């Protein structure tokens, strides 16, 4: 039996494997030790869908060739994000055209997609997107009245943003850092707004600030762990935790102080303080 990974033949000794599923189980563990996962599979030059199980029962006597596409964790996440994004693009089309058959098939697929969406969205301990999505889709996709095309478009946009953060983390981190630095210039105003009853305006800025910080930190998390990356992540996590506690307590004085004296100076310096030596993207 010939086994190849990304076009390269490998020496892999079979032991007690009886079926294709046994071989793939061992190869999966072997690849995971190197930080890789299986992104594609061919048996006897025939593509096998990884999300199905029929091929796992193929006896090894019937197998002449196994070809595996191995991906890094980041490459695998990018592919998952692309698949999820395309799902919602298809959903928008089905809603607009009133294609009931496609809507039924998409709803079946959504039940599987829902299991990995928390990892793909990576919202942290207080998710908002997925709970909203589940509420919108709780009655299924049947009929154009059950879910708006706008919701599907918005989800596709969110997933495309996550894909960019994962595929090009350095450029996305730099872009977010620039936006944060520009936003930081006016954080003094937020502190004043909190003290003068303009809470709604202040909270809109804080929400946008938090979203940008999360985008920045998600991008950083995909970069190689240089000292600079680790320092920035630790520092920002600490500041975000303090801000979150102040928001929960409704302590407007502390919120204002954190924004003006802790967060603002850090963000202004952020674009010039990033050394991503060994970064990937």
Foldseek 3Di string as FASTA:
>chain_A
DWEEEPRHTDDDDDDPDFWQLVVVVVVQVVVVVVQKGWDWKDFPNHTDDPVDCPRRHHTVVPTDYMYTYIDHPLVVLLVLLVVLLVLLVVLLVCLVVQVQVVQVVSQVVVVVNLVCVCVLLVPPPDDDLSVVVCVLQVVGSHHSVSHDNVNSVVVSVSSVLSSCLSQPLVVQLLVLLVVLLVLLVCLLVLLVCLVVVVPVVSVVSVVVNVVSLVSNLSSLVNWPDDVLSVVVNVLSVVLVVQLVVCVVVVPSNSNSCSSNPPRSVCSNCPNVSDDRVRTDD
